[in-house]
């Protein structure tokens, strides 16, 4: 589910397993099977500039938390769903 008013150049700061701060731009939020997933673009590392990262979005109290998807099946299923959305969008524009 996209919330455009919330996505205008929204920067997300996360900390990796080594304690390094990584900055991302939130590109989109997708809802799939009752869960939300964020599509994030790394802002720090020029090398991975075009690599979009997929993370699960959960809420703890009033805070939203981005979590790494460790289950390969869940990750692959969500990627396939996102790909199908893009295909549907492309066919509608043709």
Protein backbone atom coordinates (compact mmCIF):
# COMPACT_ATOMS: atom_id res chain seq x y z
CA UNK A 1 0.00 0.00 0.00
CA UNK A 2 1.62 3.23 -1.11
CA UNK A 3 1.24 6.30 1.00
CA UNK A 4 2.62 9.02 -1.31
CA UNK A 5 2.25 11.81 1.22
CA UNK A 6 4.62 9.90 3.51
CA UNK A 7 7.12 8.92 0.82
CA UNK A 8 8.40 12.32 -0.32
CA UNK A 9 12.19 11.84 0.06
CA UNK A 10 11.78 10.01 3.35
CA UNK A 11 15.16 8.95 4.70
CA UNK A 12 15.47 5.92 6.95
CA UNK A 13 18.48 5.26 9.16
CA UNK A 14 19.25 1.68 10.15
CA UNK A 15 22.11 -0.02 11.97
CA UNK A 16 23.63 -3.20 10.54
CA UNK A 17 24.91 -6.21 12.51
CA UNK A 18 28.36 -4.54 12.79
CA UNK A 19 26.92 -1.36 14.30
CA UNK A 20 27.36 0.70 11.13
CA UNK A 21 24.70 3.30 10.32
CA UNK A 22 23.16 2.87 6.87
CA UNK A 23 20.91 5.51 5.31
CA UNK A 24 18.13 4.56 2.91
CA UNK A 25 15.53 6.42 0.92
CA UNK A 26 12.09 4.86 1.36
CA UNK A 27 10.78 4.27 -2.17
CA UNK A 28 7.51 2.48 -1.44
CA UNK A 29 5.56 0.44 1.08
CA UNK A 30 3.90 -2.73 -0.18
CA UNK A 31 1.25 -4.67 1.73
CA UNK A 32 1.19 -8.44 1.23
CA UNK A 33 -0.77 -11.00 3.26
CA UNK A 34 -1.38 -8.60 6.13
CA UNK A 35 2.25 -7.52 6.45
CA UNK A 36 3.98 -4.39 5.19
CA UNK A 37 7.31 -4.33 3.37
CA UNK A 38 9.52 -1.37 2.56
CA UNK A 39 11.44 -0.90 -0.67
CA UNK A 40 14.59 0.98 0.29
CA UNK A 41 17.37 2.52 -1.78
CA UNK A 42 20.82 2.80 -0.10
CA UNK A 43 21.99 6.41 -0.01
CA UNK A 44 25.55 6.01 1.31
CA UNK A 45 27.24 3.45 -0.89
CA UNK A 46 27.62 4.67 -4.47
CA UNK A 47 28.50 1.12 -5.60
CA UNK A 48 25.04 -0.24 -4.68
CA UNK A 49 23.23 2.89 -5.85
CA UNK A 50 20.71 1.01 -7.99
CA UNK A 51 20.18 -1.97 -5.69
CA UNK A 52 16.81 -1.82 -3.95
CA UNK A 53 16.59 -3.48 -0.54
CA UNK A 54 13.42 -5.22 0.66
CA UNK A 55 12.71 -5.21 4.41
CA UNK A 56 9.71 -6.14 6.55
CA UNK A 57 8.05 -3.23 8.33
CA UNK A 58 6.66 -3.80 11.80
CA UNK A 59 5.41 -1.53 14.54
CA UNK A 60 6.65 -1.58 18.13
CA UNK A 61 4.60 0.83 20.19
CA UNK A 62 4.65 4.10 18.25
CA UNK A 63 7.83 3.24 16.30
CA UNK A 64 8.12 1.55 12.94
CA UNK A 65 10.95 -0.96 12.66
CA UNK A 66 12.52 -2.24 9.44
CA UNK A 67 13.61 -5.87 9.78
CA UNK A 68 15.73 -8.07 7.56
CA UNK A 69 13.67 -10.90 6.04
CA UNK A 70 15.62 -14.00 7.04
CA UNK A 71 13.11 -16.53 5.66
CA UNK A 72 14.10 -17.14 2.01
CA UNK A 73 10.60 -18.39 1.15
CA UNK A 74 8.95 -15.24 2.53
CA UNK A 75 11.49 -13.01 0.74
CA UNK A 76 11.07 -14.79 -2.61
CA UNK A 77 7.27 -14.79 -2.34
CA UNK A 78 7.18 -11.04 -1.68
CA UNK A 79 9.62 -10.36 -4.55
CA UNK A 80 7.41 -12.38 -6.91
CA UNK A 81 4.36 -10.42 -5.71
CA UNK A 82 6.12 -7.09 -6.30
CA UNK A 83 7.22 -8.25 -9.76
CA UNK A 84 3.60 -9.18 -10.58
CA UNK A 85 2.47 -5.69 -9.49
CA UNK A 86 5.05 -4.13 -11.82
CA UNK A 87 3.92 -6.36 -14.69
CA UNK A 88 0.29 -5.39 -14.09
CA UNK A 89 1.29 -1.71 -14.03
CA UNK A 90 3.25 -2.07 -17.27
CA UNK A 91 0.37 -3.82 -19.06
CA UNK A 92 -2.07 -1.11 -17.95
CA UNK A 93 0.19 1.60 -19.37
CA UNK A 94 0.47 -0.09 -22.78
